[in-house]
Structure formats: C-alpha cells, structure tokens
Amino acid sequence: MPLMRRLPPLVALRAFEAVARLGSFRLAAEELHVTPTAVSHQLRIFEEHCGQMLLRRRPRPLSLTEAGARLFPVIRDGLDAFATAIEQVRAPQNHRLRVSTTNAFAARCLVPLLPAWYRENPAIDLEVIGTDQVMDLRAGTVDVALRYARDPPVDGVAVELTRDRFHVVAAPRLLESSDAESWKRLPRIAYDWLPGDTMAPTWERWQAVSHIRLNASDRIAMRFREELHAIEAVVAGQGVAICSDLLVRQELSDGSLVRVSSITLDGYGLYLVTLPEQTTSQGVQDFCAWLRRVYLTASAVSNERQVPG
C-alpha cells in the first residue's frame, strides 16, 4: 500500500516561505495579496502541523528557528519547481501537424517548400510521413493527406491542387545536337507502377500512343521499383525516362533535363485530403490554405511561360 503524504495546506506552505524569505509578515501579505493577519493564521496552522515553532517573533526582526531553517530551502525549492513546471505547461506549445504523402512527392516537392512554410508558420511544426501506402485519416495517425491519384479520393474532403503530365526527358549532355532522334538510342529507364493500371505512363503505353518504335531493342536497360531512383538515374545522365513534370519541374526549369519528344501521357491529380471535422483545426486550415496558394502561384507562373512572347 502506497505511503500517504501528510502535508499541510499549500496556502500555509506559501505563507511560511514568503515570511521566511522576506522577513516580514507585512511584505509577505502584500506579495500574497492577503492581510498580515491571514498570513499569521496560516503560519500558525503550519507550525501546528509540524508540532513546533518555525519562526522567532521576538525580539524583532523575525528569524527562523532551527526547524524553520531546515525546512525553508526545501519548501522554497519545491515551490520554485512547481512554478517552473506550471509555466511550462501553460506556455503555448508548438503544434505538430502530421502530413502524409508519397515518397516521391515528399522528397521532390514538399521538402524544398518547407523553409517557406516555417517562415510563415513558425509555431506549427510539420511531421512529413513519406509512404506510398494510403494512410487512413480516420485512424488518427495523420491530419492531412496529399494523395496522388487518377480520381478524387472519397474518404475525405478532397481538393485537387494540380495535375501532372509525363514527358520523355534526358540530360542534354547525352544528346547529339545535330540529331533530334539521338535520344532514341539512349538506354531506357523505367520504374514500377501498380499492377492493373492500364493507363500508367509506361514505355509500353508511350509507344502505343506515339506509334513509334524505338531504334534500340524493346529491352529496358534499367528498371527501378521506386520512382525516385529512376529520376535520380535520369538526372545523373544514365539514360532516358518518362517522368512527371511535377517531380522534375526544377530540373526542367534549370535545364539539367530537357523534353525530347512532344508526345506526352496523361498523369494523375495531386489531392489535398482532410476529414470534415479537421477543417476547424487552425493548423490544418493554415497548411491547406498555404499549399493551395503555392500551387495557384505555380500554375499562374507556368501559364505565363506558355503564352507566346
């Protein structure tokens, strides 16, 4: 059986600590916002609890008895510890917002944006959960999901941020400037898609849409399970690949990758998904509004670049 604590009232401890520290009933009363009589009353209660005198009231000034001197530092430090702990609990804590998305989008799109997010929202910490599995919002493990899908998700409120297209891309240093068809002789890079997705942007589908037979054999030189690894391979100049313009936007912008064919394939939508009850959360509201603004701005810039000059 646990030992029961035999403690005096907290108000009595506070009265003793204030009198012992300040050496005055009057000053202790002012600090505690009570009368000197109330302080004296609480001190008597504490002394009765201890069974002995803790203060010498005569002659003035007040002084601690041996027992009082032994108790004072312990009570003072204890009250200080209480005050510190309570202030830490009362202080506004950074809110952690959990966002799930695909590994590819997390690495290629979301992580580069995080400095801008933290500049605008320093009090909201993001926990980015990169996974190619569909996270169940109802399970409570994530607050917001960024889903990459052909059709809008139906397990929450879904807002389409953007849609991508797939382009055949390569590093320009691999291309022969005098031969627009030189890319067809480059090693082909591929990566896996979900089984049964007949509209997946694969090399087989690209050839079916374009009616072009590549000069090289039908063999895929490099195949990866992860889309990220295929992107890294094509950026490193190891061959030609069909990539999402959303995921290689930076490389297309800075010229480290170029489009080598005008034939493109339909992509997927990037959806911001939340539960209806989560829309009241300020953190969820701020993140969703920020990301919609980011993609609205990106779309406007992209449209400006496509207008003939």
C-alpha atoms as a PDB file:
ATOM      1  CA  MET A   1       0.000   0.000   0.000  1.00  0.00           C
ATOM      2  CA  PRO A   2       1.497   3.394  -1.021  1.00  0.00           C
ATOM      3  CA  LEU A   3       2.531   5.781   1.734  1.00  0.00           C
ATOM      4  CA  MET A   4       0.000   8.566   2.238  1.00  0.00           C
ATOM      5  CA  ARG A   5       1.551  12.024   2.193  1.00  0.00           C
ATOM      6  CA  ARG A   6       0.808  14.042   5.347  1.00  0.00           C
ATOM      7  CA  LEU A   7       1.179  17.578   4.054  1.00  0.00           C
ATOM      8  CA  PRO A   8      -0.118  20.902   5.340  1.00  0.00           C
ATOM      9  CA  PRO A   9      -2.314  23.079   3.090  1.00  0.00           C
ATOM     10  CA  LEU A  10      -0.426  24.638   0.194  1.00  0.00           C
ATOM     11  CA  VAL A  11      -1.525  28.108   1.299  1.00  0.00           C
ATOM     12  CA  ALA A  12       0.237  27.523   4.638  1.00  0.00           C
ATOM     13  CA  LEU A  13       3.445  26.453   2.866  1.00  0.00           C
ATOM     14  CA  ARG A  14       3.315  29.573   0.699  1.00  0.00           C
ATOM     15  CA  ALA A  15       2.777  31.800   3.759  1.00  0.00           C
ATOM     16  CA  PHE A  16       5.761  30.305   5.596  1.00  0.00           C
ATOM     17  CA  GLU A  17       8.047  30.521   2.531  1.00  0.00           C
ATOM     18  CA  ALA A  18       7.132  34.187   1.885  1.00  0.00           C
ATOM     19  CA  VAL A  19       7.646  35.252   5.524  1.00  0.00           C
ATOM     20  CA  ALA A  20      10.944  33.343   5.783  1.00  0.00           C
ATOM     21  CA  ARG A  21      12.231  34.802   2.524  1.00  0.00           C
ATOM     22  CA  LEU A  22      11.096  38.399   3.098  1.00  0.00           C
ATOM     23  CA  GLY A  23      11.488  38.521   6.902  1.00  0.00           C
ATOM     24  CA  SER A  24       8.189  40.372   7.316  1.00  0.00           C
ATOM     25  CA  PHE A  25       4.502  39.497   7.726  1.00  0.00           C
ATOM     26  CA  ARG A  26       3.564  42.744   6.006  1.00  0.00           C
ATOM     27  CA  LEU A  27       5.715  42.151   2.907  1.00  0.00           C
ATOM     28  CA  ALA A  28       4.574  38.534   2.690  1.00  0.00           C
ATOM     29  CA  ALA A  29       0.942  39.672   2.870  1.00  0.00           C
ATOM     30  CA  GLU A  30       1.498  42.187   0.050  1.00  0.00           C
ATOM     31  CA  GLU A  31       3.101  39.515  -2.151  1.00  0.00           C
ATOM     32  CA  LEU A  32       0.309  37.014  -1.474  1.00  0.00           C
ATOM     33  CA  HIS A  33      -2.450  39.675  -1.750  1.00  0.00           C
ATOM     34  CA  VAL A  34      -3.870  38.898   1.698  1.00  0.00           C
ATOM     35  CA  THR A  35      -3.797  40.622   5.108  1.00  0.00           C
ATOM     36  CA  PRO A  36      -0.936  40.211   7.629  1.00  0.00           C
ATOM     37  CA  THR A  37      -3.470  38.571   9.960  1.00  0.00           C
ATOM     38  CA  ALA A  38      -4.234  35.923   7.319  1.00  0.00           C
ATOM     39  CA  VAL A  39      -0.516  35.239   6.867  1.00  0.00           C
ATOM     40  CA  SER A  40      -0.079  34.874  10.655  1.00  0.00           C
ATOM     41  CA  HIS A  41      -3.039  32.485  10.791  1.00  0.00           C
ATOM     42  CA  GLN A  42      -1.637  30.256   8.010  1.00  0.00           C
ATOM     43  CA  LEU A  43       1.772  30.243   9.667  1.00  0.00           C
ATOM     44  CA  ARG A  44       0.233  29.014  12.946  1.00  0.00           C
ATOM     45  CA  ILE A  45      -1.514  26.214  11.025  1.00  0.00           C
ATOM     46  CA  PHE A  46       1.831  25.165   9.528  1.00  0.00           C
ATOM     47  CA  GLU A  47       3.576  25.249  12.920  1.00  0.00           C
ATOM     48  CA  GLU A  48       0.795  23.153  14.467  1.00  0.00           C
ATOM     49  CA  HIS A  49       1.215  20.657  11.633  1.00  0.00           C
ATOM     50  CA  CYS A  50       4.964  20.479  12.319  1.00  0.00           C
ATOM     51  CA  GLY A  51       4.481  20.371  16.101  1.00  0.00           C
ATOM     52  CA  GLN A  52       6.974  23.147  16.841  1.00  0.00           C
ATOM     53  CA  MET A  53       7.791  26.808  16.282  1.00  0.00           C
ATOM     54  CA  LEU A  54       9.347  27.706  12.930  1.00  0.00           C
ATOM     55  CA  LEU A  55       9.761  31.489  13.462  1.00  0.00           C
ATOM     56  CA  ARG A  56      11.049  33.586  16.378  1.00  0.00           C
ATOM     57  CA  ARG A  57       8.739  36.588  16.517  1.00  0.00           C
ATOM     58  CA  ARG A  58      10.527  38.315  19.398  1.00  0.00           C
ATOM     59  CA  PRO A  59      12.770  40.177  19.556  1.00  0.00           C
ATOM     60  CA  ARG A  60      12.452  41.757  16.122  1.00  0.00           C
ATOM     61  CA  PRO A  61      13.462  41.238  13.389  1.00  0.00           C
ATOM     62  CA  LEU A  62      11.868  37.868  12.638  1.00  0.00           C
ATOM     63  CA  SER A  63      14.253  34.935  12.490  1.00  0.00           C
ATOM     64  CA  LEU A  64      13.973  31.219  11.733  1.00  0.00           C
ATOM     65  CA  THR A  65      14.234  28.577  14.409  1.00  0.00           C
ATOM     66  CA  GLU A  66      16.476  25.594  13.739  1.00  0.00           C
ATOM     67  CA  ALA A  67      13.491  23.626  12.387  1.00  0.00           C
ATOM     68  CA  GLY A  68      12.386  26.572  10.253  1.00  0.00           C
ATOM     69  CA  ALA A  69      15.887  26.981   8.805  1.00  0.00           C
ATOM     70  CA  ARG A  70      15.910  23.304   7.883  1.00  0.00           C
ATOM     71  CA  LEU A  71      12.505  23.467   6.177  1.00  0.00           C
ATOM     72  CA  PHE A  72      12.847  26.804   4.358  1.00  0.00           C
ATOM     73  CA  PRO A  73      15.224  25.832   1.492  1.00  0.00           C
ATOM     74  CA  VAL A  74      13.304  22.617   0.813  1.00  0.00           C
ATOM     75  CA  ILE A  75       9.946  24.411   0.610  1.00  0.00           C
ATOM     76  CA  ARG A  76      11.420  27.316  -1.386  1.00  0.00           C
ATOM     77  CA  ASP A  77      12.967  24.983  -3.975  1.00  0.00           C
ATOM     78  CA  GLY A  78       9.807  22.901  -4.128  1.00  0.00           C
ATOM     79  CA  LEU A  79       7.602  25.920  -4.819  1.00  0.00           C
ATOM     80  CA  ASP A  80      10.090  27.126  -7.442  1.00  0.00           C
ATOM     81  CA  ALA A  81       9.896  23.711  -9.127  1.00  0.00           C
ATOM     82  CA  PHE A  82       6.085  23.829  -9.055  1.00  0.00           C
ATOM     83  CA  ALA A  83       6.071  27.308 -10.599  1.00  0.00           C
ATOM     84  CA  THR A  84       8.512  26.326 -13.365  1.00  0.00           C
ATOM     85  CA  ALA A  85       6.577  23.180 -14.263  1.00  0.00           C
ATOM     86  CA  ILE A  86       3.256  25.033 -14.348  1.00  0.00           C
ATOM     87  CA  GLU A  87       4.682  27.797 -16.550  1.00  0.00           C
ATOM     88  CA  GLN A  88       5.981  25.204 -18.984  1.00  0.00           C
ATOM     89  CA  VAL A  89       2.548  23.614 -19.161  1.00  0.00           C
ATOM     90  CA  ARG A  90       0.818  26.967 -19.553  1.00  0.00           C
ATOM     91  CA  ALA A  91       3.239  28.247 -22.198  1.00  0.00           C
ATOM     92  CA  PRO A  92       1.973  27.920 -25.775  1.00  0.00           C
ATOM     93  CA  GLN A  93       3.432  24.784 -27.302  1.00  0.00           C
ATOM     94  CA  ASN A  94       4.301  24.344 -30.956  1.00  0.00           C
ATOM     95  CA  HIS A  95       1.536  22.447 -32.708  1.00  0.00           C
ATOM     96  CA  ARG A  96       2.678  19.398 -34.653  1.00  0.00           C
ATOM     97  CA  LEU A  97       0.849  18.845 -37.928  1.00  0.00           C
ATOM     98  CA  ARG A  98       1.190  15.375 -39.451  1.00  0.00           C
ATOM     99  CA  VAL A  99       1.106  15.245 -43.238  1.00  0.00           C
ATOM    100  CA  SER A 100       1.319  12.047 -45.279  1.00  0.00           C
ATOM    101  CA  THR A 101       2.250  11.917 -48.941  1.00  0.00           C
ATOM    102  CA  THR A 102       4.116   9.742 -51.422  1.00  0.00           C
ATOM    103  CA  ASN A 103       7.843   9.298 -51.029  1.00  0.00           C
ATOM    104  CA  ALA A 104       8.434  10.927 -54.408  1.00  0.00           C
ATOM    105  CA  PHE A 105       6.312  13.996 -53.691  1.00  0.00           C
ATOM    106  CA  ALA A 106       7.770  14.361 -50.201  1.00  0.00           C
ATOM    107  CA  ALA A 107      11.345  14.357 -51.498  1.00  0.00           C
ATOM    108  CA  ARG A 108      10.953  16.236 -54.762  1.00  0.00           C
ATOM    109  CA  CYS A 109       8.206  18.765 -53.995  1.00  0.00           C
ATOM    110  CA  LEU A 110       7.294  19.182 -50.340  1.00  0.00           C
ATOM    111  CA  VAL A 111      10.721  19.205 -48.644  1.00  0.00           C
ATOM    112  CA  PRO A 112      12.037  22.075 -50.841  1.00  0.00           C
ATOM    113  CA  LEU A 113       8.994  24.132 -49.797  1.00  0.00           C
ATOM    114  CA  LEU A 114       9.425  23.657 -46.043  1.00  0.00           C
ATOM    115  CA  PRO A 115      11.671  26.712 -45.426  1.00  0.00           C
ATOM    116  CA  ALA A 116       8.891  28.926 -46.853  1.00  0.00           C
ATOM    117  CA  TRP A 117       6.319  27.174 -44.658  1.00  0.00           C
ATOM    118  CA  TYR A 118       8.340  27.704 -41.482  1.00  0.00           C
ATOM    119  CA  ARG A 119       8.931  31.367 -42.283  1.00  0.00           C
ATOM    120  CA  GLU A 120       5.173  31.927 -42.465  1.00  0.00           C
ATOM    121  CA  ASN A 121       4.151  29.479 -39.717  1.00  0.00           C
ATOM    122  CA  PRO A 122       6.931  29.257 -37.122  1.00  0.00           C
ATOM    123  CA  ALA A 123       4.615  27.925 -34.403  1.00  0.00           C
ATOM    124  CA  ILE A 124       3.416  24.889 -36.384  1.00  0.00           C
ATOM    125  CA  ASP A 125       5.850  22.002 -36.782  1.00  0.00           C
ATOM    126  CA  LEU A 126       5.311  19.662 -39.707  1.00  0.00           C
ATOM    127  CA  GLU A 127       5.839  15.938 -39.449  1.00  0.00           C
ATOM    128  CA  VAL A 128       6.084  14.648 -43.025  1.00  0.00           C
ATOM    129  CA  ILE A 129       5.228  10.961 -43.374  1.00  0.00           C
ATOM    130  CA  GLY A 130       6.520   9.705 -46.702  1.00  0.00           C
ATOM    131  CA  THR A 131       4.795   6.498 -47.735  1.00  0.00           C
ATOM    132  CA  ASP A 132       3.313   5.016 -50.889  1.00  0.00           C
ATOM    133  CA  GLN A 133       0.590   3.388 -48.801  1.00  0.00           C
ATOM    134  CA  VAL A 134      -2.762   5.145 -48.434  1.00  0.00           C
ATOM    135  CA  MET A 135      -2.924   6.373 -44.826  1.00  0.00           C
ATOM    136  CA  ASP A 136      -6.308   6.079 -43.121  1.00  0.00           C
ATOM    137  CA  LEU A 137      -7.297   9.544 -41.915  1.00  0.00           C
ATOM    138  CA  ARG A 138      -9.880   8.029 -39.567  1.00  0.00           C
ATOM    139  CA  ALA A 139      -7.148   6.168 -37.709  1.00  0.00           C
ATOM    140  CA  GLY A 140      -5.882   9.486 -36.350  1.00  0.00           C
ATOM    141  CA  THR A 141      -2.239   8.951 -37.351  1.00  0.00           C
ATOM    142  CA  VAL A 142      -2.220  11.862 -39.827  1.00  0.00           C
ATOM    143  CA  ASP A 143      -4.001  15.223 -40.017  1.00  0.00           C
ATOM    144  CA  VAL A 144      -3.697  15.899 -43.749  1.00  0.00           C
ATOM    145  CA  ALA A 145      -3.055  13.560 -46.685  1.00  0.00           C
ATOM    146  CA  LEU A 146      -1.576  14.554 -50.032  1.00  0.00           C
ATOM    147  CA  ARG A 147      -2.823  11.841 -52.376  1.00  0.00           C
ATOM    148  CA  TYR A 148      -1.573  11.144 -55.876  1.00  0.00           C
ATOM    149  CA  ALA A 149      -4.463   9.540 -57.720  1.00  0.00           C
ATOM    150  CA  ARG A 150      -6.233   9.496 -61.059  1.00  0.00           C
ATOM    151  CA  ASP A 151      -9.623  10.196 -59.452  1.00  0.00           C
ATOM    152  CA  PRO A 152     -10.561  12.213 -56.351  1.00  0.00           C
ATOM    153  CA  PRO A 153     -10.267  10.229 -53.097  1.00  0.00           C
ATOM    154  CA  VAL A 154     -13.597   9.510 -51.428  1.00  0.00           C
ATOM    155  CA  ASP A 155     -12.527   9.073 -47.790  1.00  0.00           C
ATOM    156  CA  GLY A 156     -12.444  12.779 -47.001  1.00  0.00           C
ATOM    157  CA  VAL A 157     -12.791  16.294 -48.368  1.00  0.00           C
ATOM    158  CA  ALA A 158     -10.545  16.264 -51.464  1.00  0.00           C
ATOM    159  CA  VAL A 159      -9.255  19.391 -53.204  1.00  0.00           C
ATOM    160  CA  GLU A 160      -7.265  18.971 -56.431  1.00  0.00           C
ATOM    161  CA  LEU A 161      -4.106  21.070 -56.272  1.00  0.00           C
ATOM    162  CA  THR A 162      -2.718  20.237 -59.692  1.00  0.00           C
ATOM    163  CA  ARG A 163      -2.416  17.525 -62.327  1.00  0.00           C
ATOM    164  CA  ASP A 164       0.790  16.384 -63.936  1.00  0.00           C
ATOM    165  CA  ARG A 165       1.783  15.118 -67.368  1.00  0.00           C
ATOM    166  CA  PHE A 166       4.504  12.675 -68.256  1.00  0.00           C
ATOM    167  CA  HIS A 167       7.289  13.652 -70.641  1.00  0.00           C
ATOM    168  CA  VAL A 168      10.222  11.791 -72.126  1.00  0.00           C
ATOM    169  CA  VAL A 169      13.257  13.518 -70.640  1.00  0.00           C
ATOM    170  CA  ALA A 170      17.024  13.185 -70.701  1.00  0.00           C
ATOM    171  CA  ALA A 171      20.130  15.073 -69.663  1.00  0.00           C
ATOM    172  CA  PRO A 172      21.073  17.426 -72.552  1.00  0.00           C
ATOM    173  CA  ARG A 173      24.729  16.351 -72.457  1.00  0.00           C
ATOM    174  CA  LEU A 174      23.676  12.929 -73.758  1.00  0.00           C
ATOM    175  CA  LEU A 175      22.034  14.312 -76.872  1.00  0.00           C
ATOM    176  CA  GLU A 176      23.680  14.894 -80.230  1.00  0.00           C
ATOM    177  CA  SER A 177      22.852  18.462 -81.198  1.00  0.00           C
ATOM    178  CA  SER A 178      22.729  17.638 -84.898  1.00  0.00           C
ATOM    179  CA  ASP A 179      20.426  14.641 -84.484  1.00  0.00           C
ATOM    180  CA  ALA A 180      16.963  15.214 -82.998  1.00  0.00           C
ATOM    181  CA  GLU A 181      16.421  11.456 -82.897  1.00  0.00           C
ATOM    182  CA  SER A 182      19.581  10.634 -80.947  1.00  0.00           C
ATOM    183  CA  TRP A 183      17.639  10.190 -77.697  1.00  0.00           C
ATOM    184  CA  LYS A 184      16.026   7.042 -79.134  1.00  0.00           C
ATOM    185  CA  ARG A 185      19.367   5.272 -78.935  1.00  0.00           C
ATOM    186  CA  LEU A 186      19.845   6.037 -75.240  1.00  0.00           C
ATOM    187  CA  PRO A 187      19.337   3.373 -72.548  1.00  0.00           C
ATOM    188  CA  ARG A 188      15.730   3.411 -71.367  1.00  0.00           C
ATOM    189  CA  ILE A 189      14.944   3.803 -67.673  1.00  0.00           C
ATOM    190  CA  ALA A 190      11.658   2.536 -66.203  1.00  0.00           C
ATOM    191  CA  TYR A 191      10.031   2.130 -62.807  1.00  0.00           C
ATOM    192  CA  ASP A 192       7.150   0.111 -61.431  1.00  0.00           C
ATOM    193  CA  TRP A 193       3.503   1.121 -61.344  1.00  0.00           C
ATOM    194  CA  LEU A 194       0.589  -0.504 -59.573  1.00  0.00           C
ATOM    195  CA  PRO A 195      -0.435  -3.752 -61.299  1.00  0.00           C
ATOM    196  CA  GLY A 196      -3.616  -3.398 -63.327  1.00  0.00           C
ATOM    197  CA  ASP A 197      -3.270   0.329 -64.043  1.00  0.00           C
ATOM    198  CA  THR A 198      -3.718   0.194 -67.805  1.00  0.00           C
ATOM    199  CA  MET A 199      -3.301   3.975 -68.090  1.00  0.00           C
ATOM    200  CA  ALA A 200       0.036   4.070 -66.252  1.00  0.00           C
ATOM    201  CA  PRO A 201       2.658   6.191 -68.065  1.00  0.00           C
ATOM    202  CA  THR A 202       4.951   3.319 -69.040  1.00  0.00           C
ATOM    203  CA  TRP A 203       7.190   2.906 -72.063  1.00  0.00           C
ATOM    204  CA  GLU A 204       4.727   0.360 -73.455  1.00  0.00           C
ATOM    205  CA  ARG A 205       1.884   2.866 -73.262  1.00  0.00           C
ATOM    206  CA  TRP A 206       4.036   5.664 -74.712  1.00  0.00           C
ATOM    207  CA  GLN A 207       4.889   3.533 -77.740  1.00  0.00           C
ATOM    208  CA  ALA A 208       1.235   2.562 -78.166  1.00  0.00           C
ATOM    209  CA  VAL A 209       0.156   6.227 -78.099  1.00  0.00           C
ATOM    210  CA  SER A 210       3.004   7.536 -80.256  1.00  0.00           C
ATOM    211  CA  HIS A 211       3.126   4.605 -82.712  1.00  0.00           C
ATOM    212  CA  ILE A 212       6.892   4.975 -82.590  1.00  0.00           C
ATOM    213  CA  ARG A 213       9.215   2.022 -82.396  1.00  0.00           C
ATOM    214  CA  LEU A 214      12.448   2.951 -80.734  1.00  0.00           C
ATOM    215  CA  ASN A 215      15.691   2.161 -82.504  1.00  0.00           C
ATOM    216  CA  ALA A 216      17.060   0.293 -79.523  1.00  0.00           C
ATOM    217  CA  SER A 217      15.637  -3.101 -78.615  1.00  0.00           C
ATOM    218  CA  ASP A 218      12.487  -3.267 -76.527  1.00  0.00           C
ATOM    219  CA  ARG A 219      14.622  -4.186 -73.535  1.00  0.00           C
ATOM    220  CA  ILE A 220      14.537  -1.785 -70.595  1.00  0.00           C
ATOM    221  CA  ALA A 221      18.144  -1.068 -69.642  1.00  0.00           C
ATOM    222  CA  MET A 222      17.366  -0.047 -66.033  1.00  0.00           C
ATOM    223  CA  ARG A 223      14.244  -0.746 -64.024  1.00  0.00           C
ATOM    224  CA  PHE A 224      13.586   0.555 -60.534  1.00  0.00           C
ATOM    225  CA  ARG A 225      10.910  -0.205 -58.014  1.00  0.00           C
ATOM    226  CA  GLU A 226      10.980   3.386 -56.713  1.00  0.00           C
ATOM    227  CA  GLU A 227      10.151   6.331 -58.968  1.00  0.00           C
ATOM    228  CA  LEU A 228      12.648   8.450 -57.033  1.00  0.00           C
ATOM    229  CA  HIS A 229      15.516   6.184 -58.028  1.00  0.00           C
ATOM    230  CA  ALA A 230      14.568   6.367 -61.697  1.00  0.00           C
ATOM    231  CA  ILE A 231      14.510  10.167 -61.516  1.00  0.00           C
ATOM    232  CA  GLU A 232      17.950  10.210 -59.907  1.00  0.00           C
ATOM    233  CA  ALA A 233      19.256   7.939 -62.660  1.00  0.00           C
ATOM    234  CA  VAL A 234      17.999  10.136 -65.486  1.00  0.00           C
ATOM    235  CA  VAL A 235      19.285  13.302 -63.779  1.00  0.00           C
ATOM    236  CA  ALA A 236      22.679  11.592 -63.452  1.00  0.00           C
ATOM    237  CA  GLY A 237      22.728  11.065 -67.227  1.00  0.00           C
ATOM    238  CA  GLN A 238      22.259   7.292 -67.223  1.00  0.00           C
ATOM    239  CA  GLY A 239      19.550   7.233 -69.870  1.00  0.00           C
ATOM    240  CA  VAL A 240      16.129   8.475 -70.918  1.00  0.00           C
ATOM    241  CA  ALA A 241      12.956   8.166 -68.840  1.00  0.00           C
ATOM    242  CA  ILE A 242       9.291   9.108 -68.781  1.00  0.00           C
ATOM    243  CA  CYS A 243       8.888  11.462 -65.831  1.00  0.00           C
ATOM    244  CA  SER A 244       6.203  13.574 -64.202  1.00  0.00           C
ATOM    245  CA  ASP A 245       6.624  17.263 -64.969  1.00  0.00           C
ATOM    246  CA  LEU A 246       5.599  17.872 -61.354  1.00  0.00           C
ATOM    247  CA  LEU A 247       8.503  15.859 -59.957  1.00  0.00           C
ATOM    248  CA  VAL A 248      11.198  17.122 -62.340  1.00  0.00           C
ATOM    249  CA  ARG A 249       9.944  20.697 -62.504  1.00  0.00           C
ATOM    250  CA  GLN A 250      13.176  22.108 -61.080  1.00  0.00           C
ATOM    251  CA  GLU A 251      15.382  20.166 -63.499  1.00  0.00           C
ATOM    252  CA  LEU A 252      13.255  21.206 -66.490  1.00  0.00           C
ATOM    253  CA  SER A 253      13.424  24.805 -65.284  1.00  0.00           C
ATOM    254  CA  ASP A 254      17.201  24.919 -64.798  1.00  0.00           C
ATOM    255  CA  GLY A 255      17.980  22.915 -67.954  1.00  0.00           C
ATOM    256  CA  SER A 256      19.564  19.874 -66.313  1.00  0.00           C
ATOM    257  CA  LEU A 257      16.820  17.854 -68.012  1.00  0.00           C
ATOM    258  CA  VAL A 258      15.108  18.549 -71.340  1.00  0.00           C
ATOM    259  CA  ARG A 259      11.990  17.189 -73.045  1.00  0.00           C
ATOM    260  CA  VAL A 260      12.991  15.152 -76.079  1.00  0.00           C
ATOM    261  CA  SER A 261       9.543  14.409 -77.511  1.00  0.00           C
ATOM    262  CA  SER A 262       6.339  16.381 -77.928  1.00  0.00           C
ATOM    263  CA  ILE A 263       4.297  13.252 -77.200  1.00  0.00           C
ATOM    264  CA  THR A 264       3.149  13.189 -73.581  1.00  0.00           C
ATOM    265  CA  LEU A 265       0.964  10.968 -71.426  1.00  0.00           C
ATOM    266  CA  ASP A 266      -1.833  11.906 -69.044  1.00  0.00           C
ATOM    267  CA  GLY A 267      -0.833  11.909 -65.424  1.00  0.00           C
ATOM    268  CA  TYR A 268      -2.628  11.996 -62.112  1.00  0.00           C
ATOM    269  CA  GLY A 269      -4.084  14.543 -59.728  1.00  0.00           C
ATOM    270  CA  LEU A 270      -2.453  15.726 -56.530  1.00  0.00           C
ATOM    271  CA  TYR A 271      -5.235  15.968 -53.952  1.00  0.00           C
ATOM    272  CA  LEU A 272      -5.288  17.649 -50.566  1.00  0.00           C
ATOM    273  CA  VAL A 273      -7.461  15.421 -48.374  1.00  0.00           C
ATOM    274  CA  THR A 274      -8.818  16.169 -44.892  1.00  0.00           C
ATOM    275  CA  LEU A 275     -11.696  14.956 -42.747  1.00  0.00           C
ATOM    276  CA  PRO A 276     -14.670  17.363 -42.424  1.00  0.00           C
ATOM    277  CA  GLU A 277     -14.154  17.687 -38.660  1.00  0.00           C
ATOM    278  CA  GLN A 278     -10.467  18.605 -39.140  1.00  0.00           C
ATOM    279  CA  THR A 279     -11.290  21.761 -41.052  1.00  0.00           C
ATOM    280  CA  THR A 280     -11.850  23.534 -37.718  1.00  0.00           C
ATOM    281  CA  SER A 281      -8.207  22.981 -36.735  1.00  0.00           C
ATOM    282  CA  GLN A 282      -6.207  26.170 -37.229  1.00  0.00           C
ATOM    283  CA  GLY A 283      -3.089  24.203 -38.165  1.00  0.00           C
ATOM    284  CA  VAL A 284      -4.945  22.210 -40.826  1.00  0.00           C
ATOM    285  CA  GLN A 285      -6.577  25.382 -42.149  1.00  0.00           C
ATOM    286  CA  ASP A 286      -3.237  27.206 -42.349  1.00  0.00           C
ATOM    287  CA  PHE A 287      -1.447  24.337 -44.092  1.00  0.00           C
ATOM    288  CA  CYS A 288      -4.216  23.752 -46.644  1.00  0.00           C
ATOM    289  CA  ALA A 289      -4.508  27.460 -47.452  1.00  0.00           C
ATOM    290  CA  TRP A 290      -0.724  27.769 -47.789  1.00  0.00           C
ATOM    291  CA  LEU A 291      -0.393  24.777 -50.113  1.00  0.00           C
ATOM    292  CA  ARG A 292      -3.321  25.898 -52.275  1.00  0.00           C
ATOM    293  CA  ARG A 293      -1.650  29.304 -52.582  1.00  0.00           C
ATOM    294  CA  VAL A 294       1.680  27.700 -53.526  1.00  0.00           C
ATOM    295  CA  TYR A 295       0.122  25.686 -56.335  1.00  0.00           C
ATOM    296  CA  LEU A 296      -2.072  28.528 -57.522  1.00  0.00           C
ATOM    297  CA  THR A 297       1.047  30.669 -57.856  1.00  0.00           C
ATOM    298  CA  ALA A 298       2.969  27.876 -59.584  1.00  0.00           C
ATOM    299  CA  SER A 299       0.112  27.357 -62.039  1.00  0.00           C
ATOM    300  CA  ALA A 300      -0.017  31.073 -62.863  1.00  0.00           C
ATOM    301  CA  VAL A 301       3.748  31.162 -63.484  1.00  0.00           C
ATOM    302  CA  SER A 302       3.519  28.067 -65.698  1.00  0.00           C
ATOM    303  CA  ASN A 303       0.699  29.594 -67.747  1.00  0.00           C
ATOM    304  CA  GLU A 304       2.699  32.794 -68.247  1.00  0.00           C
ATOM    305  CA  ARG A 305       5.651  30.788 -69.590  1.00  0.00           C
ATOM    306  CA  GLN A 306       3.381  29.030 -72.097  1.00  0.00           C
ATOM    307  CA  VAL A 307       1.991  32.279 -73.565  1.00  0.00           C
ATOM    308  CA  PRO A 308       3.833  33.098 -76.863  1.00  0.00           C
ATOM    309  CA  GLY A 309       6.026  36.128 -76.341  1.00  0.00           C
END
